[in-house]
Amino acid sequence: MDLTIAGLTAGLLTLFDLDRTFYVPAKVPSRLALWAWWWGFILINGLAAAAIYVIFKDLQPLQGINPIFKAVILGVGYLAVIRAKFTTVNIKGTDVPLGPEALYEGAKGMVYRRINRITKAARFSETNELAKAETLDTLVSRAKLSVNQDALLSLDEKSRALIWILTLLEDKESTDEDKRLALADFLLSGQRGG
């Protein structure tokens, strides 16, 4: 039971990080590949936390702690253990950490690049569809309304987003298509272009 709690805790933290990092459109042509990378990485992190729980559960500082609370602590703290580095060596002018951190960061980078490639392709299609389906005026109105209705934005963030919309509209270097694409991407993902 405690092993499962440690794994689930780490899995949830990984899920939160993936959700914070990637916008996943409703339609993803490679959904099976996306979910395999997504949920596979969550599972691997959960298993790593479970292994760390087995290794560290009997350490003196953790003695006397409720087993469920201990499992949560180790599930949350698994990243601290994984990010440990024994030493750093300089190879061709670059500091390279030696320890589990190098393996973890390499694996995370590989998984995130694959997820990013899949989600970018889906975002590209979704953004183009919306930009072609709506006029510039409609997209502007929707974007302003989206900003004003967003309960998660502070007043300052709302102000910056509205200024971005106005700046985009006044940009003489951008075509109407560029503006429609930028607004469509903003409406779908909440991200503003440069």
N, C-alpha and C. Protein backbone atom coordinates (compact mmCIF):
# COMPACT_ATOMS: atom_id res chain seq x y z
N MET A 1 0.82 -1.20 0.00
CA MET A 1 0.00 0.00 0.00
C MET A 1 0.87 1.27 0.00
N ASP A 2 1.87 1.33 0.91
CA ASP A 2 2.72 2.51 1.01
C ASP A 2 3.52 2.71 -0.28
N LEU A 3 3.95 1.60 -0.84
CA LEU A 3 4.70 1.64 -2.10
C LEU A 3 3.85 2.28 -3.20
N THR A 4 2.58 1.91 -3.23
CA THR A 4 1.64 2.46 -4.22
C THR A 4 1.44 3.95 -3.99
N ILE A 5 1.33 4.36 -2.75
CA ILE A 5 1.13 5.78 -2.44
C ILE A 5 2.34 6.60 -2.90
N ALA A 6 3.55 6.10 -2.65
CA ALA A 6 4.76 6.80 -3.10
C ALA A 6 4.75 6.93 -4.62
N GLY A 7 4.42 5.83 -5.31
CA GLY A 7 4.38 5.85 -6.77
C GLY A 7 3.31 6.77 -7.31
N LEU A 8 2.12 6.74 -6.71
CA LEU A 8 1.04 7.62 -7.16
C LEU A 8 1.36 9.09 -6.93
N THR A 9 2.01 9.39 -5.80
CA THR A 9 2.40 10.77 -5.52
C THR A 9 3.36 11.29 -6.59
N ALA A 10 4.38 10.50 -6.89
CA ALA A 10 5.35 10.90 -7.92
C ALA A 10 4.68 10.98 -9.29
N GLY A 11 3.78 10.05 -9.57
CA GLY A 11 3.06 10.07 -10.84
C GLY A 11 2.22 11.32 -10.99
N LEU A 12 1.56 11.74 -9.91
CA LEU A 12 0.76 12.96 -9.95
C LEU A 12 1.64 14.19 -10.20
N LEU A 13 2.80 14.23 -9.53
CA LEU A 13 3.71 15.36 -9.75
C LEU A 13 4.17 15.41 -11.21
N THR A 14 4.42 14.25 -11.78
CA THR A 14 4.83 14.18 -13.19
C THR A 14 3.69 14.62 -14.10
N LEU A 15 2.49 14.17 -13.81
CA LEU A 15 1.31 14.58 -14.58
C LEU A 15 1.13 16.09 -14.53
N PHE A 16 1.29 16.68 -13.34
CA PHE A 16 1.16 18.13 -13.21
C PHE A 16 2.20 18.85 -14.06
N ASP A 17 3.43 18.34 -14.08
CA ASP A 17 4.50 18.97 -14.87
C ASP A 17 4.21 18.85 -16.36
N LEU A 18 3.76 17.69 -16.81
CA LEU A 18 3.42 17.51 -18.22
C LEU A 18 2.28 18.44 -18.62
N ASP A 19 1.25 18.52 -17.77
CA ASP A 19 0.10 19.36 -18.08
C ASP A 19 0.48 20.84 -18.12
N ARG A 20 1.39 21.25 -17.24
CA ARG A 20 1.84 22.64 -17.21
C ARG A 20 2.71 22.96 -18.44
N THR A 21 3.43 21.96 -18.95
CA THR A 21 4.39 22.18 -20.03
C THR A 21 3.74 22.14 -21.41
N PHE A 22 2.79 21.22 -21.62
CA PHE A 22 2.26 20.98 -22.97
C PHE A 22 0.78 21.31 -23.08
N TYR A 23 0.44 21.99 -24.17
CA TYR A 23 -0.96 22.15 -24.55
C TYR A 23 -1.25 21.04 -25.56
N VAL A 24 -2.26 20.23 -25.25
CA VAL A 24 -2.62 19.12 -26.13
C VAL A 24 -3.97 19.42 -26.78
N PRO A 25 -4.00 19.60 -28.10
CA PRO A 25 -5.26 19.87 -28.79
C PRO A 25 -6.24 18.69 -28.66
N ALA A 26 -7.50 18.98 -28.92
CA ALA A 26 -8.52 17.94 -28.84
C ALA A 26 -8.28 16.84 -29.89
N LYS A 27 -7.86 17.27 -31.08
CA LYS A 27 -7.59 16.30 -32.15
C LYS A 27 -6.09 16.12 -32.31
N VAL A 28 -5.62 14.93 -32.02
CA VAL A 28 -4.20 14.61 -32.19
C VAL A 28 -4.12 13.34 -33.04
N PRO A 29 -3.64 13.48 -34.29
CA PRO A 29 -3.56 12.31 -35.17
C PRO A 29 -2.75 11.15 -34.57
N SER A 30 -1.72 11.45 -33.82
CA SER A 30 -0.86 10.41 -33.23
C SER A 30 -1.18 10.24 -31.75
N ARG A 31 -2.46 10.21 -31.41
CA ARG A 31 -2.87 10.16 -30.00
C ARG A 31 -2.30 8.95 -29.28
N LEU A 32 -2.25 7.80 -29.93
CA LEU A 32 -1.72 6.59 -29.28
C LEU A 32 -0.24 6.78 -28.92
N ALA A 33 0.54 7.32 -29.83
CA ALA A 33 1.95 7.58 -29.54
C ALA A 33 2.09 8.62 -28.44
N LEU A 34 1.27 9.67 -28.50
CA LEU A 34 1.33 10.71 -27.47
C LEU A 34 1.05 10.11 -26.10
N TRP A 35 -0.03 9.36 -25.97
CA TRP A 35 -0.38 8.79 -24.66
C TRP A 35 0.64 7.76 -24.21
N ALA A 36 1.26 7.05 -25.13
CA ALA A 36 2.30 6.09 -24.74
C ALA A 36 3.48 6.81 -24.10
N TRP A 37 3.93 7.92 -24.73
CA TRP A 37 5.03 8.69 -24.14
C TRP A 37 4.60 9.35 -22.85
N TRP A 38 3.41 9.95 -22.84
CA TRP A 38 2.89 10.69 -21.70
C TRP A 38 2.74 9.79 -20.48
N TRP A 39 1.91 8.74 -20.63
CA TRP A 39 1.62 7.86 -19.49
C TRP A 39 2.79 6.95 -19.17
N GLY A 40 3.61 6.63 -20.17
CA GLY A 40 4.81 5.84 -19.91
C GLY A 40 5.78 6.59 -19.01
N PHE A 41 5.93 7.91 -19.26
CA PHE A 41 6.83 8.71 -18.42
C PHE A 41 6.27 8.83 -17.00
N ILE A 42 4.97 8.97 -16.88
CA ILE A 42 4.34 9.01 -15.56
C ILE A 42 4.58 7.70 -14.82
N LEU A 43 4.41 6.59 -15.53
CA LEU A 43 4.62 5.27 -14.92
C LEU A 43 6.07 5.09 -14.48
N ILE A 44 7.01 5.48 -15.32
CA ILE A 44 8.43 5.35 -14.98
C ILE A 44 8.76 6.18 -13.74
N ASN A 45 8.23 7.39 -13.66
CA ASN A 45 8.47 8.21 -12.48
C ASN A 45 7.84 7.59 -11.23
N GLY A 46 6.66 7.02 -11.38
CA GLY A 46 6.01 6.35 -10.26
C GLY A 46 6.82 5.14 -9.79
N LEU A 47 7.33 4.38 -10.74
CA LEU A 47 8.16 3.21 -10.39
C LEU A 47 9.47 3.65 -9.73
N ALA A 48 10.04 4.75 -10.21
CA ALA A 48 11.27 5.27 -9.60
C ALA A 48 11.01 5.68 -8.15
N ALA A 49 9.88 6.33 -7.90
CA ALA A 49 9.55 6.72 -6.53
C ALA A 49 9.30 5.50 -5.66
N ALA A 50 8.67 4.48 -6.22
CA ALA A 50 8.44 3.25 -5.46
C ALA A 50 9.77 2.60 -5.10
N ALA A 51 10.71 2.59 -6.03
CA ALA A 51 12.04 2.02 -5.75
C ALA A 51 12.75 2.84 -4.67
N ILE A 52 12.64 4.15 -4.75
CA ILE A 52 13.27 5.01 -3.74
C ILE A 52 12.62 4.78 -2.38
N TYR A 53 11.32 4.55 -2.38
CA TYR A 53 10.63 4.24 -1.12
C TYR A 53 11.21 2.98 -0.49
N VAL A 54 11.38 1.94 -1.29
CA VAL A 54 11.92 0.68 -0.78
C VAL A 54 13.33 0.89 -0.21
N ILE A 55 14.14 1.69 -0.89
CA ILE A 55 15.52 1.91 -0.48
C ILE A 55 15.62 2.77 0.79
N PHE A 56 14.79 3.80 0.90
CA PHE A 56 14.95 4.79 1.97
C PHE A 56 13.94 4.71 3.11
N LYS A 57 12.96 3.84 3.04
CA LYS A 57 11.89 3.82 4.04
C LYS A 57 12.37 3.55 5.46
N ASP A 58 13.48 2.86 5.62
CA ASP A 58 13.96 2.52 6.96
C ASP A 58 15.05 3.45 7.48
N LEU A 59 15.31 4.56 6.81
CA LEU A 59 16.31 5.52 7.29
C LEU A 59 15.89 6.08 8.64
N GLN A 60 16.86 6.36 9.46
CA GLN A 60 16.62 6.84 10.82
C GLN A 60 15.71 8.08 10.87
N PRO A 61 15.92 9.11 10.04
CA PRO A 61 15.04 10.30 10.14
C PRO A 61 13.57 9.99 9.83
N LEU A 62 13.31 8.88 9.15
CA LEU A 62 11.93 8.54 8.79
C LEU A 62 11.28 7.56 9.76
N GLN A 63 12.04 7.14 10.77
CA GLN A 63 11.51 6.21 11.77
C GLN A 63 10.43 6.91 12.59
N GLY A 64 9.38 6.19 12.91
CA GLY A 64 8.32 6.73 13.74
C GLY A 64 7.30 7.58 13.00
N ILE A 65 7.51 7.80 11.71
CA ILE A 65 6.54 8.57 10.92
C ILE A 65 5.46 7.62 10.42
N ASN A 66 4.25 8.09 10.41
CA ASN A 66 3.14 7.30 9.88
C ASN A 66 3.51 6.78 8.50
N PRO A 67 3.32 5.47 8.23
CA PRO A 67 3.74 4.89 6.94
C PRO A 67 3.14 5.57 5.71
N ILE A 68 1.91 6.01 5.81
CA ILE A 68 1.29 6.67 4.66
C ILE A 68 1.95 8.04 4.43
N PHE A 69 2.18 8.78 5.51
CA PHE A 69 2.85 10.07 5.40
C PHE A 69 4.28 9.89 4.89
N LYS A 70 4.95 8.84 5.35
CA LYS A 70 6.31 8.53 4.88
C LYS A 70 6.30 8.25 3.38
N ALA A 71 5.28 7.54 2.90
CA ALA A 71 5.17 7.24 1.47
C ALA A 71 4.97 8.52 0.66
N VAL A 72 4.17 9.44 1.19
CA VAL A 72 3.95 10.72 0.50
C VAL A 72 5.24 11.52 0.48
N ILE A 73 5.95 11.56 1.62
CA ILE A 73 7.22 12.30 1.69
C ILE A 73 8.21 11.77 0.65
N LEU A 74 8.34 10.45 0.58
CA LEU A 74 9.29 9.87 -0.37
C LEU A 74 8.79 9.98 -1.80
N GLY A 75 7.47 9.97 -1.99
CA GLY A 75 6.91 10.18 -3.33
C GLY A 75 7.18 11.59 -3.83
N VAL A 76 7.10 12.58 -2.93
CA VAL A 76 7.40 13.96 -3.29
C VAL A 76 8.91 14.16 -3.41
N GLY A 77 9.66 13.51 -2.52
CA GLY A 77 11.10 13.71 -2.48
C GLY A 77 11.90 12.89 -3.46
N TYR A 78 11.24 12.05 -4.26
CA TYR A 78 11.98 11.21 -5.20
C TYR A 78 12.84 12.03 -6.16
N LEU A 79 12.33 13.20 -6.56
CA LEU A 79 13.10 14.03 -7.49
C LEU A 79 14.40 14.53 -6.86
N ALA A 80 14.37 14.79 -5.55
CA ALA A 80 15.60 15.24 -4.88
C ALA A 80 16.65 14.14 -4.95
N VAL A 81 16.22 12.90 -4.80
CA VAL A 81 17.16 11.77 -4.87
C VAL A 81 17.64 11.59 -6.31
N ILE A 82 16.71 11.66 -7.25
CA ILE A 82 17.06 11.46 -8.66
C ILE A 82 17.99 12.58 -9.14
N ARG A 83 17.81 13.77 -8.63
CA ARG A 83 18.63 14.91 -9.07
C ARG A 83 19.99 14.98 -8.36
N ALA A 84 20.26 13.97 -7.53
CA ALA A 84 21.56 13.94 -6.85
C ALA A 84 22.67 13.74 -7.87
N LYS A 85 23.78 14.41 -7.62
CA LYS A 85 24.95 14.20 -8.46
C LYS A 85 26.14 13.95 -7.55
N PHE A 86 26.91 12.96 -7.93
CA PHE A 86 28.05 12.57 -7.11
C PHE A 86 29.21 13.54 -7.33
N THR A 87 29.36 13.97 -8.54
CA THR A 87 30.42 14.92 -8.88
C THR A 87 30.10 15.51 -10.25
N THR A 88 30.85 16.51 -10.60
CA THR A 88 30.72 17.12 -11.93
C THR A 88 32.10 17.07 -12.58
N VAL A 89 32.14 16.59 -13.80
CA VAL A 89 33.42 16.55 -14.53
C VAL A 89 33.32 17.51 -15.71
N ASN A 90 34.44 18.06 -16.08
CA ASN A 90 34.49 19.00 -17.19
C ASN A 90 34.96 18.26 -18.43
N ILE A 91 34.07 18.18 -19.41
CA ILE A 91 34.40 17.52 -20.68
C ILE A 91 34.30 18.55 -21.78
N LYS A 92 35.44 18.85 -22.39
CA LYS A 92 35.51 19.82 -23.48
C LYS A 92 34.85 21.15 -23.11
N GLY A 93 35.12 21.62 -21.89
CA GLY A 93 34.62 22.92 -21.46
C GLY A 93 33.20 22.92 -20.95
N THR A 94 32.55 21.75 -20.90
CA THR A 94 31.18 21.66 -20.42
C THR A 94 31.15 20.83 -19.14
N ASP A 95 30.49 21.36 -18.10
CA ASP A 95 30.33 20.61 -16.86
C ASP A 95 29.26 19.54 -17.06
N VAL A 96 29.63 18.29 -16.80
CA VAL A 96 28.72 17.17 -16.95
C VAL A 96 28.53 16.52 -15.58
N PRO A 97 27.28 16.50 -15.06
CA PRO A 97 27.05 15.89 -13.75
C PRO A 97 27.13 14.36 -13.85
N LEU A 98 27.69 13.75 -12.84
CA LEU A 98 27.72 12.30 -12.77
C LEU A 98 26.81 11.87 -11.62
N GLY A 99 25.87 11.04 -11.92
CA GLY A 99 24.90 10.58 -10.94
C GLY A 99 23.58 10.32 -11.65
N PRO A 100 22.56 9.98 -10.88
CA PRO A 100 21.25 9.69 -11.50
C PRO A 100 20.65 10.88 -12.23
N GLU A 101 21.05 12.10 -11.87
CA GLU A 101 20.50 13.30 -12.52
C GLU A 101 20.73 13.28 -14.02
N ALA A 102 21.92 12.89 -14.45
CA ALA A 102 22.23 12.88 -15.88
C ALA A 102 21.30 11.92 -16.63
N LEU A 103 21.08 10.76 -16.06
CA LEU A 103 20.18 9.77 -16.67
C LEU A 103 18.75 10.30 -16.71
N TYR A 104 18.30 10.85 -15.58
CA TYR A 104 16.93 11.36 -15.51
C TYR A 104 16.71 12.50 -16.50
N GLU A 105 17.62 13.47 -16.52
CA GLU A 105 17.46 14.61 -17.43
C GLU A 105 17.51 14.18 -18.90
N GLY A 106 18.37 13.20 -19.20
CA GLY A 106 18.42 12.67 -20.56
C GLY A 106 17.12 12.01 -20.96
N ALA A 107 16.56 11.21 -20.06
CA ALA A 107 15.29 10.53 -20.34
C ALA A 107 14.15 11.54 -20.46
N LYS A 108 14.12 12.49 -19.55
CA LYS A 108 13.06 13.51 -19.58
C LYS A 108 13.14 14.32 -20.88
N GLY A 109 14.34 14.71 -21.27
CA GLY A 109 14.50 15.46 -22.52
C GLY A 109 14.03 14.68 -23.72
N MET A 110 14.36 13.39 -23.75
CA MET A 110 13.94 12.54 -24.87
C MET A 110 12.42 12.43 -24.93
N VAL A 111 11.79 12.18 -23.80
CA VAL A 111 10.33 12.05 -23.76
C VAL A 111 9.67 13.38 -24.11
N TYR A 112 10.13 14.48 -23.54
CA TYR A 112 9.52 15.77 -23.79
C TYR A 112 9.67 16.19 -25.26
N ARG A 113 10.80 15.88 -25.88
CA ARG A 113 10.96 16.21 -27.31
C ARG A 113 9.95 15.44 -28.16
N ARG A 114 9.71 14.20 -27.85
CA ARG A 114 8.75 13.41 -28.63
C ARG A 114 7.32 13.90 -28.41
N ILE A 115 6.97 14.19 -27.17
CA ILE A 115 5.64 14.73 -26.89
C ILE A 115 5.48 16.08 -27.59
N ASN A 116 6.50 16.91 -27.54
CA ASN A 116 6.45 18.23 -28.17
C ASN A 116 6.25 18.12 -29.68
N ARG A 117 6.95 17.17 -30.31
CA ARG A 117 6.82 17.00 -31.76
C ARG A 117 5.37 16.62 -32.12
N ILE A 118 4.78 15.72 -31.36
CA ILE A 118 3.41 15.27 -31.63
C ILE A 118 2.42 16.41 -31.39
N THR A 119 2.56 17.11 -30.26
CA THR A 119 1.60 18.17 -29.94
C THR A 119 1.76 19.38 -30.86
N LYS A 120 2.99 19.67 -31.28
CA LYS A 120 3.19 20.79 -32.22
C LYS A 120 2.49 20.52 -33.55
N ALA A 121 2.59 19.31 -34.04
CA ALA A 121 1.93 18.98 -35.31
C ALA A 121 0.42 19.13 -35.18
N ALA A 122 -0.13 18.67 -34.05
CA ALA A 122 -1.57 18.79 -33.84
C ALA A 122 -1.97 20.26 -33.65
N ARG A 123 -1.17 21.02 -32.93
CA ARG A 123 -1.44 22.44 -32.73
C ARG A 123 -1.40 23.20 -34.05
N PHE A 124 -0.45 22.85 -34.90
CA PHE A 124 -0.32 23.50 -36.21
C PHE A 124 -1.61 23.33 -37.00
N SER A 125 -2.11 22.10 -37.06
CA SER A 125 -3.36 21.82 -37.80
C SER A 125 -4.54 22.55 -37.17
N GLU A 126 -4.65 22.48 -35.86
CA GLU A 126 -5.77 23.10 -35.16
C GLU A 126 -5.76 24.62 -35.34
N THR A 127 -4.60 25.21 -35.24
CA THR A 127 -4.46 26.66 -35.39
C THR A 127 -4.82 27.10 -36.80
N ASN A 128 -4.31 26.37 -37.79
CA ASN A 128 -4.62 26.71 -39.19
C ASN A 128 -6.11 26.60 -39.47
N GLU A 129 -6.75 25.58 -38.95
CA GLU A 129 -8.20 25.40 -39.17
C GLU A 129 -8.98 26.59 -38.61
N LEU A 130 -8.67 26.99 -37.38
CA LEU A 130 -9.39 28.11 -36.78
C LEU A 130 -9.09 29.42 -37.51
N ALA A 131 -7.84 29.64 -37.87
CA ALA A 131 -7.46 30.89 -38.56
C ALA A 131 -8.15 31.00 -39.91
N LYS A 132 -8.32 29.89 -40.60
CA LYS A 132 -8.99 29.92 -41.91
C LYS A 132 -10.50 30.05 -41.78
N ALA A 133 -11.06 29.56 -40.67
CA ALA A 133 -12.51 29.55 -40.49
C ALA A 133 -13.07 30.89 -40.02
N GLU A 134 -12.24 31.74 -39.42
CA GLU A 134 -12.73 32.98 -38.82
C GLU A 134 -12.07 34.21 -39.47
N THR A 135 -12.79 35.32 -39.44
CA THR A 135 -12.22 36.58 -39.92
C THR A 135 -11.31 37.15 -38.84
N LEU A 136 -10.49 38.10 -39.23
CA LEU A 136 -9.60 38.76 -38.27
C LEU A 136 -10.42 39.46 -37.18
N ASP A 137 -11.48 40.15 -37.57
CA ASP A 137 -12.31 40.86 -36.60
C ASP A 137 -12.94 39.90 -35.58
N THR A 138 -13.41 38.77 -36.05
CA THR A 138 -14.00 37.77 -35.16
C THR A 138 -12.96 37.23 -34.19
N LEU A 139 -11.77 36.93 -34.69
CA LEU A 139 -10.71 36.41 -33.83
C LEU A 139 -10.28 37.44 -32.79
N VAL A 140 -10.23 38.70 -33.18
CA VAL A 140 -9.89 39.76 -32.23
C VAL A 140 -10.94 39.84 -31.13
N SER A 141 -12.20 39.84 -31.52
CA SER A 141 -13.29 39.91 -30.53
C SER A 141 -13.24 38.71 -29.58
N ARG A 142 -13.04 37.54 -30.14
CA ARG A 142 -12.96 36.33 -29.30
C ARG A 142 -11.75 36.38 -28.36
N ALA A 143 -10.63 36.89 -28.87
CA ALA A 143 -9.42 36.96 -28.04
C ALA A 143 -9.62 37.94 -26.88
N LYS A 144 -10.21 39.10 -27.16
CA LYS A 144 -10.46 40.07 -26.09
C LYS A 144 -11.42 39.49 -25.05
N LEU A 145 -12.48 38.86 -25.52
CA LEU A 145 -13.44 38.26 -24.61
C LEU A 145 -12.78 37.15 -23.78
N SER A 146 -11.94 36.35 -24.42
CA SER A 146 -11.23 35.27 -23.72
C SER A 146 -10.36 35.83 -22.60
N VAL A 147 -9.65 36.91 -22.88
CA VAL A 147 -8.79 37.54 -21.87
C VAL A 147 -9.65 38.05 -20.71
N ASN A 148 -10.71 38.77 -21.04
CA ASN A 148 -11.55 39.36 -19.99
C ASN A 148 -12.28 38.32 -19.15
N GLN A 149 -12.56 37.16 -19.72
CA GLN A 149 -13.27 36.11 -18.98
C GLN A 149 -12.35 35.15 -18.25
N ASP A 150 -11.05 35.27 -18.44
CA ASP A 150 -10.10 34.31 -17.85
C ASP A 150 -9.93 34.59 -16.36
N ALA A 151 -10.49 33.73 -15.54
CA ALA A 151 -10.43 33.90 -14.09
C ALA A 151 -9.04 33.64 -13.52
N LEU A 152 -8.16 33.02 -14.28
CA LEU A 152 -6.82 32.71 -13.79
C LEU A 152 -5.82 33.82 -14.03
N LEU A 153 -6.19 34.82 -14.81
CA LEU A 153 -5.29 35.93 -15.10
C LEU A 153 -5.47 37.06 -14.09
N SER A 154 -4.36 37.64 -13.65
CA SER A 154 -4.43 38.82 -12.79
C SER A 154 -4.80 40.02 -13.67
N LEU A 155 -5.11 41.13 -13.04
CA LEU A 155 -5.43 42.33 -13.82
C LEU A 155 -4.25 42.76 -14.66
N ASP A 156 -3.04 42.63 -14.12
CA ASP A 156 -1.83 42.98 -14.87
C ASP A 156 -1.66 42.06 -16.08
N GLU A 157 -1.88 40.77 -15.90
CA GLU A 157 -1.76 39.81 -17.01
C GLU A 157 -2.82 40.07 -18.07
N LYS A 158 -4.02 40.42 -17.64
CA LYS A 158 -5.07 40.76 -18.60
C LYS A 158 -4.68 41.99 -19.40
N SER A 159 -4.15 42.98 -18.72
CA SER A 159 -3.73 44.21 -19.39
C SER A 159 -2.64 43.92 -20.42
N ARG A 160 -1.63 43.11 -20.04
CA ARG A 160 -0.56 42.77 -20.98
C ARG A 160 -1.09 41.99 -22.18
N ALA A 161 -2.04 41.09 -21.95
CA ALA A 161 -2.61 40.31 -23.05
C ALA A 161 -3.39 41.22 -24.00
N LEU A 162 -4.16 42.16 -23.47
CA LEU A 162 -4.92 43.08 -24.32
C LEU A 162 -3.98 44.01 -25.09
N ILE A 163 -2.90 44.43 -24.46
CA ILE A 163 -1.90 45.25 -25.16
C ILE A 163 -1.26 44.44 -26.28
N TRP A 164 -0.99 43.15 -26.02
CA TRP A 164 -0.42 42.29 -27.06
C TRP A 164 -1.35 42.20 -28.26
N ILE A 165 -2.66 42.06 -28.02
CA ILE A 165 -3.63 41.99 -29.11
C ILE A 165 -3.60 43.27 -29.93
N LEU A 166 -3.61 44.41 -29.24
CA LEU A 166 -3.57 45.70 -29.92
C LEU A 166 -2.28 45.87 -30.71
N THR A 167 -1.16 45.50 -30.11
CA THR A 167 0.14 45.60 -30.78
C THR A 167 0.18 44.71 -32.02
N LEU A 168 -0.38 43.52 -31.90
CA LEU A 168 -0.44 42.61 -33.04
C LEU A 168 -1.24 43.22 -34.18
N LEU A 169 -2.37 43.82 -33.87
CA LEU A 169 -3.22 44.43 -34.89
C LEU A 169 -2.53 45.60 -35.59
N GLU A 170 -1.72 46.34 -34.84
CA GLU A 170 -1.06 47.52 -35.41
C GLU A 170 0.25 47.18 -36.12
N ASP A 171 0.67 45.94 -36.06
CA ASP A 171 1.94 45.53 -36.68
C ASP A 171 1.83 45.58 -38.20
N LYS A 172 2.55 46.52 -38.81
CA LYS A 172 2.50 46.70 -40.27
C LYS A 172 3.30 45.62 -41.00
N GLU A 173 4.19 44.95 -40.30
CA GLU A 173 5.03 43.91 -40.91
C GLU A 173 4.28 42.58 -41.07
N SER A 174 3.23 42.38 -40.28
CA SER A 174 2.49 41.12 -40.31
C SER A 174 1.31 41.21 -41.26
N THR A 175 1.07 40.14 -41.97
CA THR A 175 -0.10 40.06 -42.85
C THR A 175 -1.33 39.72 -42.02
N ASP A 176 -2.50 39.87 -42.63
CA ASP A 176 -3.73 39.49 -41.93
C ASP A 176 -3.70 38.00 -41.58
N GLU A 177 -3.13 37.19 -42.47
CA GLU A 177 -3.03 35.76 -42.19
C GLU A 177 -2.14 35.50 -40.97
N ASP A 178 -1.01 36.20 -40.88
CA ASP A 178 -0.13 36.08 -39.71
C ASP A 178 -0.89 36.44 -38.44
N LYS A 179 -1.66 37.51 -38.50
CA LYS A 179 -2.41 37.97 -37.33
C LYS A 179 -3.49 36.96 -36.96
N ARG A 180 -4.19 36.43 -37.96
CA ARG A 180 -5.23 35.42 -37.68
C ARG A 180 -4.61 34.18 -37.05
N LEU A 181 -3.46 33.76 -37.57
CA LEU A 181 -2.77 32.59 -37.00
C LEU A 181 -2.35 32.84 -35.55
N ALA A 182 -1.79 34.02 -35.28
CA ALA A 182 -1.35 34.33 -33.92
C ALA A 182 -2.53 34.37 -32.96
N LEU A 183 -3.62 34.97 -33.39
CA LEU A 183 -4.81 35.04 -32.54
C LEU A 183 -5.44 33.67 -32.35
N ALA A 184 -5.47 32.87 -33.40
CA ALA A 184 -6.02 31.51 -33.28
C ALA A 184 -5.19 30.69 -32.29
N ASP A 185 -3.88 30.80 -32.39
CA ASP A 185 -3.00 30.07 -31.47
C ASP A 185 -3.24 30.55 -30.03
N PHE A 186 -3.39 31.85 -29.86
CA PHE A 186 -3.65 32.41 -28.53
C PHE A 186 -4.97 31.89 -27.98
N LEU A 187 -6.02 31.87 -28.81
CA LEU A 187 -7.33 31.39 -28.36
C LEU A 187 -7.28 29.92 -27.97
N LEU A 188 -6.53 29.14 -28.71
CA LEU A 188 -6.50 27.70 -28.45
C LEU A 188 -5.59 27.31 -27.29
N SER A 189 -4.44 27.97 -27.20
CA SER A 189 -3.45 27.54 -26.21
C SER A 189 -3.20 28.55 -25.10
N GLY A 190 -3.64 29.79 -25.30
CA GLY A 190 -3.36 30.83 -24.31
C GLY A 190 -1.97 31.41 -24.42
N GLN A 191 -1.23 30.99 -25.43
CA GLN A 191 0.15 31.48 -25.60
C GLN A 191 0.19 32.60 -26.63
N ARG A 192 0.98 33.61 -26.31
CA ARG A 192 1.13 34.75 -27.22
C ARG A 192 2.45 34.61 -27.95
N GLY A 193 2.41 34.90 -29.24
CA GLY A 193 3.64 34.89 -30.04
C GLY A 193 4.50 36.08 -29.68
N GLY A 194 5.76 36.03 -30.12
CA GLY A 194 6.72 37.10 -29.83
C GLY A 194 6.27 38.38 -30.28
